[in-house]
């Protein structure tokens, strides 16, 4: 956590988007950790709240605290193992919606390897020599000339930490409200980062059913 950071997560109950015997998908609000932090005051998290309902629940992936949207947990060990394989094989399609500064190309692909910026943790940075491969597809959905802001659809092909945030900064269109990577995060009046996990598409690893899950964008 950043120096001077005070954790004050939203207290309303998690909205459950999907649930069966194996998986549960919640709509995580911005400002809530995905998993517990090290300090006692950072224990409240989406995972802890799911654990109160299902003590055997397991983490399958994470969202940054400032990101809202679809977050999936496995209800038992077998489901966790099966989901881990899907993520490793990149058989889960994730889509995000973001508001960014400026007007990017109508669509494109960003390929820029990422590595932890150790002196400035938790920030990540692009490093073409030692970074891990990272790929993001994007499409501009609309552009507002009055505010010089664009609504974007983002699809991370890889799943590196802060990938979408760093990639958009890299092409000169940082996400609005991003306190780590936008040079002027205060210009976004909503008071949060404009990044939302909108869709999850996958074949259920146990039932074999196609899942198309979505969450309403709150900005």
C-alpha atoms as a PDB file:
ATOM      1  CA  UNK A   1       0.000   0.000   0.000  1.00  0.00           C
ATOM      2  CA  UNK A   2       1.104   3.581  -0.657  1.00  0.00           C
ATOM      3  CA  UNK A   3       2.534   5.635   2.191  1.00  0.00           C
ATOM      4  CA  UNK A   4      -0.226   7.556   3.949  1.00  0.00           C
ATOM      5  CA  UNK A   5      -2.914   5.370   2.419  1.00  0.00           C
ATOM      6  CA  UNK A   6      -6.110   5.037   4.488  1.00  0.00           C
ATOM      7  CA  UNK A   7      -8.264   2.059   3.570  1.00  0.00           C
ATOM      8  CA  UNK A   8     -11.970   2.880   3.671  1.00  0.00           C
ATOM      9  CA  UNK A   9     -13.747   0.257   1.531  1.00  0.00           C
ATOM     10  CA  UNK A  10     -17.423   0.501   0.561  1.00  0.00           C
ATOM     11  CA  UNK A  11     -19.578  -1.411   3.036  1.00  0.00           C
ATOM     12  CA  UNK A  12     -22.595  -2.403   0.963  1.00  0.00           C
ATOM     13  CA  UNK A  13     -23.006  -6.167   0.332  1.00  0.00           C
ATOM     14  CA  UNK A  14     -21.410  -7.679  -2.753  1.00  0.00           C
ATOM     15  CA  UNK A  15     -23.713  -8.126  -5.729  1.00  0.00           C
ATOM     16  CA  UNK A  16     -23.613 -11.729  -6.939  1.00  0.00           C
ATOM     17  CA  UNK A  17     -23.664 -11.927 -10.752  1.00  0.00           C
ATOM     18  CA  UNK A  18     -23.442 -15.716 -11.103  1.00  0.00           C
ATOM     19  CA  UNK A  19     -23.333 -18.682  -8.773  1.00  0.00           C
ATOM     20  CA  UNK A  20     -23.489 -22.475  -9.037  1.00  0.00           C
ATOM     21  CA  UNK A  21     -22.004 -25.424  -7.124  1.00  0.00           C
ATOM     22  CA  UNK A  22     -18.484 -24.645  -8.356  1.00  0.00           C
ATOM     23  CA  UNK A  23     -18.089 -20.915  -8.990  1.00  0.00           C
ATOM     24  CA  UNK A  24     -19.268 -17.563  -7.697  1.00  0.00           C
ATOM     25  CA  UNK A  25     -18.841 -14.276  -9.582  1.00  0.00           C
ATOM     26  CA  UNK A  26     -19.321 -10.993  -7.747  1.00  0.00           C
ATOM     27  CA  UNK A  27     -19.433  -7.367  -8.858  1.00  0.00           C
ATOM     28  CA  UNK A  28     -16.534  -5.845  -6.910  1.00  0.00           C
ATOM     29  CA  UNK A  29     -16.890  -2.127  -6.188  1.00  0.00           C
ATOM     30  CA  UNK A  30     -13.992   0.266  -6.676  1.00  0.00           C
ATOM     31  CA  UNK A  31     -12.114   0.812  -3.429  1.00  0.00           C
ATOM     32  CA  UNK A  32     -12.431  -2.769  -2.150  1.00  0.00           C
ATOM     33  CA  UNK A  33      -9.395  -5.066  -2.153  1.00  0.00           C
ATOM     34  CA  UNK A  34      -9.752  -8.335  -4.046  1.00  0.00           C
ATOM     35  CA  UNK A  35      -7.844 -10.249  -1.347  1.00  0.00           C
ATOM     36  CA  UNK A  36      -6.707  -9.456   2.174  1.00  0.00           C
ATOM     37  CA  UNK A  37      -3.685  -7.225   2.716  1.00  0.00           C
ATOM     38  CA  UNK A  38      -0.885  -7.807   5.230  1.00  0.00           C
ATOM     39  CA  UNK A  39      -2.083  -5.361   7.891  1.00  0.00           C
ATOM     40  CA  UNK A  40      -5.102  -5.983  10.150  1.00  0.00           C
ATOM     41  CA  UNK A  41      -6.834  -2.866   8.819  1.00  0.00           C
ATOM     42  CA  UNK A  42      -6.537  -4.226   5.266  1.00  0.00           C
ATOM     43  CA  UNK A  43      -8.352  -7.516   5.881  1.00  0.00           C
ATOM     44  CA  UNK A  44     -11.741  -6.495   4.488  1.00  0.00           C
ATOM     45  CA  UNK A  45     -11.813  -7.695   0.888  1.00  0.00           C
ATOM     46  CA  UNK A  46     -14.025  -9.352  -1.694  1.00  0.00           C
ATOM     47  CA  UNK A  47     -12.381 -12.682  -0.881  1.00  0.00           C
ATOM     48  CA  UNK A  48     -12.978 -12.376   2.872  1.00  0.00           C
ATOM     49  CA  UNK A  49     -16.620 -11.518   2.245  1.00  0.00           C
ATOM     50  CA  UNK A  50     -17.009 -14.570  -0.002  1.00  0.00           C
ATOM     51  CA  UNK A  51     -15.285 -16.717   2.639  1.00  0.00           C
ATOM     52  CA  UNK A  52     -17.970 -15.779   5.165  1.00  0.00           C
ATOM     53  CA  UNK A  53     -20.478 -17.456   2.835  1.00  0.00           C
ATOM     54  CA  UNK A  54     -18.273 -20.280   1.528  1.00  0.00           C
ATOM     55  CA  UNK A  55     -15.354 -21.166   3.845  1.00  0.00           C
ATOM     56  CA  UNK A  56     -13.715 -23.366   1.187  1.00  0.00           C
ATOM     57  CA  UNK A  57     -13.686 -20.645  -1.491  1.00  0.00           C
ATOM     58  CA  UNK A  58     -10.471 -20.072  -3.466  1.00  0.00           C
ATOM     59  CA  UNK A  59      -9.085 -17.127  -5.449  1.00  0.00           C
ATOM     60  CA  UNK A  60      -8.979 -17.562  -9.247  1.00  0.00           C
ATOM     61  CA  UNK A  61      -7.849 -14.063 -10.317  1.00  0.00           C
ATOM     62  CA  UNK A  62      -7.726 -10.512  -8.971  1.00  0.00           C
ATOM     63  CA  UNK A  63      -8.706  -6.963  -9.789  1.00  0.00           C
ATOM     64  CA  UNK A  64      -6.801  -3.895  -8.634  1.00  0.00           C
ATOM     65  CA  UNK A  65      -8.437  -2.211  -5.652  1.00  0.00           C
ATOM     66  CA  UNK A  66      -9.312   0.825  -7.790  1.00  0.00           C
ATOM     67  CA  UNK A  67     -10.905  -1.338 -10.508  1.00  0.00           C
ATOM     68  CA  UNK A  68     -14.545  -2.391 -10.277  1.00  0.00           C
ATOM     69  CA  UNK A  69     -16.398  -5.233 -11.955  1.00  0.00           C
ATOM     70  CA  UNK A  70     -16.539  -8.989 -12.400  1.00  0.00           C
ATOM     71  CA  UNK A  71     -14.432 -11.039 -10.002  1.00  0.00           C
ATOM     72  CA  UNK A  72     -14.629 -14.844  -9.913  1.00  0.00           C
ATOM     73  CA  UNK A  73     -13.920 -17.238  -7.048  1.00  0.00           C
ATOM     74  CA  UNK A  74     -13.902 -21.037  -6.983  1.00  0.00           C
ATOM     75  CA  UNK A  75     -16.034 -22.665  -4.302  1.00  0.00           C
ATOM     76  CA  UNK A  76     -13.742 -25.663  -3.838  1.00  0.00           C
ATOM     77  CA  UNK A  77     -10.285 -26.999  -4.689  1.00  0.00           C
ATOM     78  CA  UNK A  78     -11.277 -28.915  -7.833  1.00  0.00           C
ATOM     79  CA  UNK A  79     -12.890 -25.805  -9.302  1.00  0.00           C
ATOM     80  CA  UNK A  80      -9.803 -23.741  -8.448  1.00  0.00           C
ATOM     81  CA  UNK A  81      -7.519 -26.199 -10.256  1.00  0.00           C
ATOM     82  CA  UNK A  82      -9.819 -26.293 -13.286  1.00  0.00           C
ATOM     83  CA  UNK A  83     -10.033 -22.499 -13.468  1.00  0.00           C
ATOM     84  CA  UNK A  84      -6.262 -22.171 -13.107  1.00  0.00           C
ATOM     85  CA  UNK A  85      -5.819 -24.332 -16.196  1.00  0.00           C
ATOM     86  CA  UNK A  86      -8.255 -22.161 -18.174  1.00  0.00           C
ATOM     87  CA  UNK A  87      -6.358 -19.014 -17.229  1.00  0.00           C
ATOM     88  CA  UNK A  88      -3.008 -20.615 -18.104  1.00  0.00           C
ATOM     89  CA  UNK A  89      -4.348 -21.680 -21.500  1.00  0.00           C
ATOM     90  CA  UNK A  90      -5.891 -18.219 -22.036  1.00  0.00           C
ATOM     91  CA  UNK A  91      -9.318 -19.694 -22.611  1.00  0.00           C
ATOM     92  CA  UNK A  92     -11.070 -17.005 -20.586  1.00  0.00           C
ATOM     93  CA  UNK A  93     -11.945 -13.819 -22.423  1.00  0.00           C
ATOM     94  CA  UNK A  94     -11.993 -10.714 -20.254  1.00  0.00           C
ATOM     95  CA  UNK A  95     -13.261  -7.341 -21.398  1.00  0.00           C
ATOM     96  CA  UNK A  96     -12.934  -4.027 -19.615  1.00  0.00           C
ATOM     97  CA  UNK A  97     -14.411  -0.590 -20.186  1.00  0.00           C
ATOM     98  CA  UNK A  98     -12.327   2.508 -19.494  1.00  0.00           C
ATOM     99  CA  UNK A  99     -12.456   6.257 -19.904  1.00  0.00           C
ATOM    100  CA  UNK A 100      -9.139   7.643 -21.103  1.00  0.00           C
ATOM    101  CA  UNK A 101      -7.578  10.996 -21.860  1.00  0.00           C
ATOM    102  CA  UNK A 102      -7.508  12.010 -25.518  1.00  0.00           C
ATOM    103  CA  UNK A 103      -8.566  10.225 -28.691  1.00  0.00           C
ATOM    104  CA  UNK A 104      -6.709   6.952 -29.406  1.00  0.00           C
ATOM    105  CA  UNK A 105      -6.831   5.141 -32.733  1.00  0.00           C
ATOM    106  CA  UNK A 106     -10.169   3.482 -33.470  1.00  0.00           C
ATOM    107  CA  UNK A 107      -8.633   0.116 -32.636  1.00  0.00           C
ATOM    108  CA  UNK A 108      -5.254  -1.396 -32.063  1.00  0.00           C
ATOM    109  CA  UNK A 109      -2.946  -3.770 -30.251  1.00  0.00           C
ATOM    110  CA  UNK A 110      -0.405  -2.823 -27.591  1.00  0.00           C
ATOM    111  CA  UNK A 111       2.514  -5.200 -27.076  1.00  0.00           C
ATOM    112  CA  UNK A 112       4.916  -3.944 -24.437  1.00  0.00           C
ATOM    113  CA  UNK A 113       6.584  -6.159 -21.790  1.00  0.00           C
ATOM    114  CA  UNK A 114       6.108  -5.263 -18.127  1.00  0.00           C
ATOM    115  CA  UNK A 115       8.234  -5.514 -15.002  1.00  0.00           C
ATOM    116  CA  UNK A 116       7.865  -4.290 -11.422  1.00  0.00           C
ATOM    117  CA  UNK A 117       9.239  -0.797 -10.848  1.00  0.00           C
ATOM    118  CA  UNK A 118      10.921  -1.834  -7.592  1.00  0.00           C
ATOM    119  CA  UNK A 119      11.901   1.638  -6.282  1.00  0.00           C
ATOM    120  CA  UNK A 120       8.310   2.785  -6.866  1.00  0.00           C
ATOM    121  CA  UNK A 121       6.271  -0.294  -5.900  1.00  0.00           C
ATOM    122  CA  UNK A 122       3.488  -1.187  -6.524  1.00  0.00           C
ATOM    123  CA  UNK A 123       4.000   0.564  -9.872  1.00  0.00           C
ATOM    124  CA  UNK A 124       4.909  -1.438 -12.950  1.00  0.00           C
ATOM    125  CA  UNK A 125       6.900  -0.221 -15.941  1.00  0.00           C
ATOM    126  CA  UNK A 126       7.669  -1.199 -19.503  1.00  0.00           C
ATOM    127  CA  UNK A 127      11.013  -2.906 -20.033  1.00  0.00           C
ATOM    128  CA  UNK A 128      11.738  -4.335 -23.484  1.00  0.00           C
ATOM    129  CA  UNK A 129      14.849  -6.176 -22.264  1.00  0.00           C
ATOM    130  CA  UNK A 130      13.761  -8.004 -19.105  1.00  0.00           C
ATOM    131  CA  UNK A 131       9.983  -7.468 -18.883  1.00  0.00           C
ATOM    132  CA  UNK A 132       7.370 -10.221 -19.209  1.00  0.00           C
ATOM    133  CA  UNK A 133       5.382 -10.247 -22.433  1.00  0.00           C
ATOM    134  CA  UNK A 134       2.107  -8.320 -22.260  1.00  0.00           C
ATOM    135  CA  UNK A 135      -0.525  -7.796 -24.942  1.00  0.00           C
ATOM    136  CA  UNK A 136      -3.692  -5.686 -24.949  1.00  0.00           C
ATOM    137  CA  UNK A 137      -6.314  -5.286 -27.677  1.00  0.00           C
ATOM    138  CA  UNK A 138      -8.408  -2.128 -27.682  1.00  0.00           C
ATOM    139  CA  UNK A 139     -11.220  -0.370 -29.501  1.00  0.00           C
ATOM    140  CA  UNK A 140     -12.430   3.205 -29.127  1.00  0.00           C
ATOM    141  CA  UNK A 141     -16.192   3.167 -28.528  1.00  0.00           C
ATOM    142  CA  UNK A 142     -16.785   6.916 -28.496  1.00  0.00           C
ATOM    143  CA  UNK A 143     -14.958  10.223 -28.224  1.00  0.00           C
ATOM    144  CA  UNK A 144     -16.190  13.412 -26.557  1.00  0.00           C
ATOM    145  CA  UNK A 145     -14.516  16.437 -28.131  1.00  0.00           C
ATOM    146  CA  UNK A 146     -15.795  18.744 -25.387  1.00  0.00           C
ATOM    147  CA  UNK A 147     -13.920  16.878 -22.660  1.00  0.00           C
ATOM    148  CA  UNK A 148     -11.249  15.309 -24.894  1.00  0.00           C
ATOM    149  CA  UNK A 149     -12.007  11.922 -23.386  1.00  0.00           C
ATOM    150  CA  UNK A 150     -12.679   8.524 -24.959  1.00  0.00           C
ATOM    151  CA  UNK A 151     -14.606   5.452 -23.900  1.00  0.00           C
ATOM    152  CA  UNK A 152     -12.610   2.308 -24.643  1.00  0.00           C
ATOM    153  CA  UNK A 153     -13.160  -1.435 -24.787  1.00  0.00           C
ATOM    154  CA  UNK A 154     -10.062  -3.283 -23.599  1.00  0.00           C
ATOM    155  CA  UNK A 155      -9.191  -6.958 -23.902  1.00  0.00           C
ATOM    156  CA  UNK A 156      -6.062  -8.120 -22.059  1.00  0.00           C
ATOM    157  CA  UNK A 157      -4.624 -11.132 -23.879  1.00  0.00           C
ATOM    158  CA  UNK A 158      -2.115 -11.594 -21.057  1.00  0.00           C
ATOM    159  CA  UNK A 159      -2.808 -10.865 -17.396  1.00  0.00           C
ATOM    160  CA  UNK A 160       0.097  -8.850 -16.013  1.00  0.00           C
ATOM    161  CA  UNK A 161      -0.256  -6.645 -12.953  1.00  0.00           C
ATOM    162  CA  UNK A 162      -1.488  -3.142 -13.897  1.00  0.00           C
ATOM    163  CA  UNK A 163      -1.275  -4.159 -17.560  1.00  0.00           C
ATOM    164  CA  UNK A 164      -4.150  -2.072 -18.902  1.00  0.00           C
ATOM    165  CA  UNK A 165      -3.151   0.961 -16.874  1.00  0.00           C
ATOM    166  CA  UNK A 166       0.491   0.944 -17.984  1.00  0.00           C
ATOM    167  CA  UNK A 167      -0.303   0.098 -21.612  1.00  0.00           C
ATOM    168  CA  UNK A 168      -2.737   2.986 -21.972  1.00  0.00           C
ATOM    169  CA  UNK A 169      -0.272   5.367 -20.365  1.00  0.00           C
ATOM    170  CA  UNK A 170       2.362   4.009 -22.774  1.00  0.00           C
ATOM    171  CA  UNK A 171       0.334   5.051 -25.836  1.00  0.00           C
ATOM    172  CA  UNK A 172      -0.347   8.486 -24.349  1.00  0.00           C
ATOM    173  CA  UNK A 173      -3.936   7.922 -23.202  1.00  0.00           C
ATOM    174  CA  UNK A 174      -3.910   7.262 -19.448  1.00  0.00           C
ATOM    175  CA  UNK A 175      -7.048   6.086 -17.669  1.00  0.00           C
ATOM    176  CA  UNK A 176      -8.961   8.898 -16.004  1.00  0.00           C
ATOM    177  CA  UNK A 177      -8.662   8.975 -12.226  1.00  0.00           C
ATOM    178  CA  UNK A 178      -5.661   6.628 -12.137  1.00  0.00           C
ATOM    179  CA  UNK A 179      -3.658   7.907  -9.167  1.00  0.00           C
ATOM    180  CA  UNK A 180      -0.619   5.795 -10.026  1.00  0.00           C
ATOM    181  CA  UNK A 181      -0.214   6.421 -13.740  1.00  0.00           C
ATOM    182  CA  UNK A 182      -2.229   9.484 -14.803  1.00  0.00           C
ATOM    183  CA  UNK A 183      -0.159  12.682 -14.446  1.00  0.00           C
ATOM    184  CA  UNK A 184      -3.309  14.612 -13.428  1.00  0.00           C
ATOM    185  CA  UNK A 185      -5.709  12.113 -11.792  1.00  0.00           C
ATOM    186  CA  UNK A 186      -7.638  14.906 -10.112  1.00  0.00           C
ATOM    187  CA  UNK A 187      -9.161  16.088 -13.412  1.00  0.00           C
ATOM    188  CA  UNK A 188     -11.675  13.221 -13.299  1.00  0.00           C
ATOM    189  CA  UNK A 189     -14.669  14.401 -11.269  1.00  0.00           C
ATOM    190  CA  UNK A 190     -15.936  10.923 -10.309  1.00  0.00           C
ATOM    191  CA  UNK A 191     -13.231  10.527  -7.685  1.00  0.00           C
ATOM    192  CA  UNK A 192     -12.310   6.987  -8.786  1.00  0.00           C
ATOM    193  CA  UNK A 193     -10.384   5.281 -11.558  1.00  0.00           C
ATOM    194  CA  UNK A 194     -12.512   4.782 -14.675  1.00  0.00           C
ATOM    195  CA  UNK A 195     -11.754   1.099 -15.252  1.00  0.00           C
ATOM    196  CA  UNK A 196     -14.429  -1.606 -14.987  1.00  0.00           C
ATOM    197  CA  UNK A 197     -14.267  -5.362 -15.636  1.00  0.00           C
ATOM    198  CA  UNK A 198     -17.303  -5.618 -17.898  1.00  0.00           C
ATOM    199  CA  UNK A 199     -17.395  -9.147 -19.327  1.00  0.00           C
ATOM    200  CA  UNK A 200     -16.184 -12.679 -18.651  1.00  0.00           C
ATOM    201  CA  UNK A 201     -16.612 -15.339 -21.337  1.00  0.00           C
ATOM    202  CA  UNK A 202     -15.614 -18.962 -20.799  1.00  0.00           C
ATOM    203  CA  UNK A 203     -16.623 -22.586 -21.013  1.00  0.00           C
ATOM    204  CA  UNK A 204     -17.423 -23.750 -17.489  1.00  0.00           C
ATOM    205  CA  UNK A 205     -14.531 -26.113 -16.675  1.00  0.00           C
ATOM    206  CA  UNK A 206     -16.746 -28.609 -14.837  1.00  0.00           C
ATOM    207  CA  UNK A 207     -20.220 -28.448 -16.415  1.00  0.00           C
ATOM    208  CA  UNK A 208     -19.052 -27.624 -19.947  1.00  0.00           C
ATOM    209  CA  UNK A 209     -21.668 -24.883 -20.298  1.00  0.00           C
ATOM    210  CA  UNK A 210     -20.839 -21.592 -22.027  1.00  0.00           C
ATOM    211  CA  UNK A 211     -20.815 -18.658 -19.609  1.00  0.00           C
ATOM    212  CA  UNK A 212     -21.268 -15.083 -20.833  1.00  0.00           C
ATOM    213  CA  UNK A 213     -21.250 -12.823 -17.784  1.00  0.00           C
ATOM    214  CA  UNK A 214     -21.576  -9.050 -17.811  1.00  0.00           C
ATOM    215  CA  UNK A 215     -21.660  -6.120 -15.413  1.00  0.00           C
ATOM    216  CA  UNK A 216     -23.110  -2.646 -15.928  1.00  0.00           C
ATOM    217  CA  UNK A 217     -20.458   0.057 -16.260  1.00  0.00           C
ATOM    218  CA  UNK A 218     -20.902   2.561 -13.392  1.00  0.00           C
ATOM    219  CA  UNK A 219     -19.428   5.571 -15.232  1.00  0.00           C
END
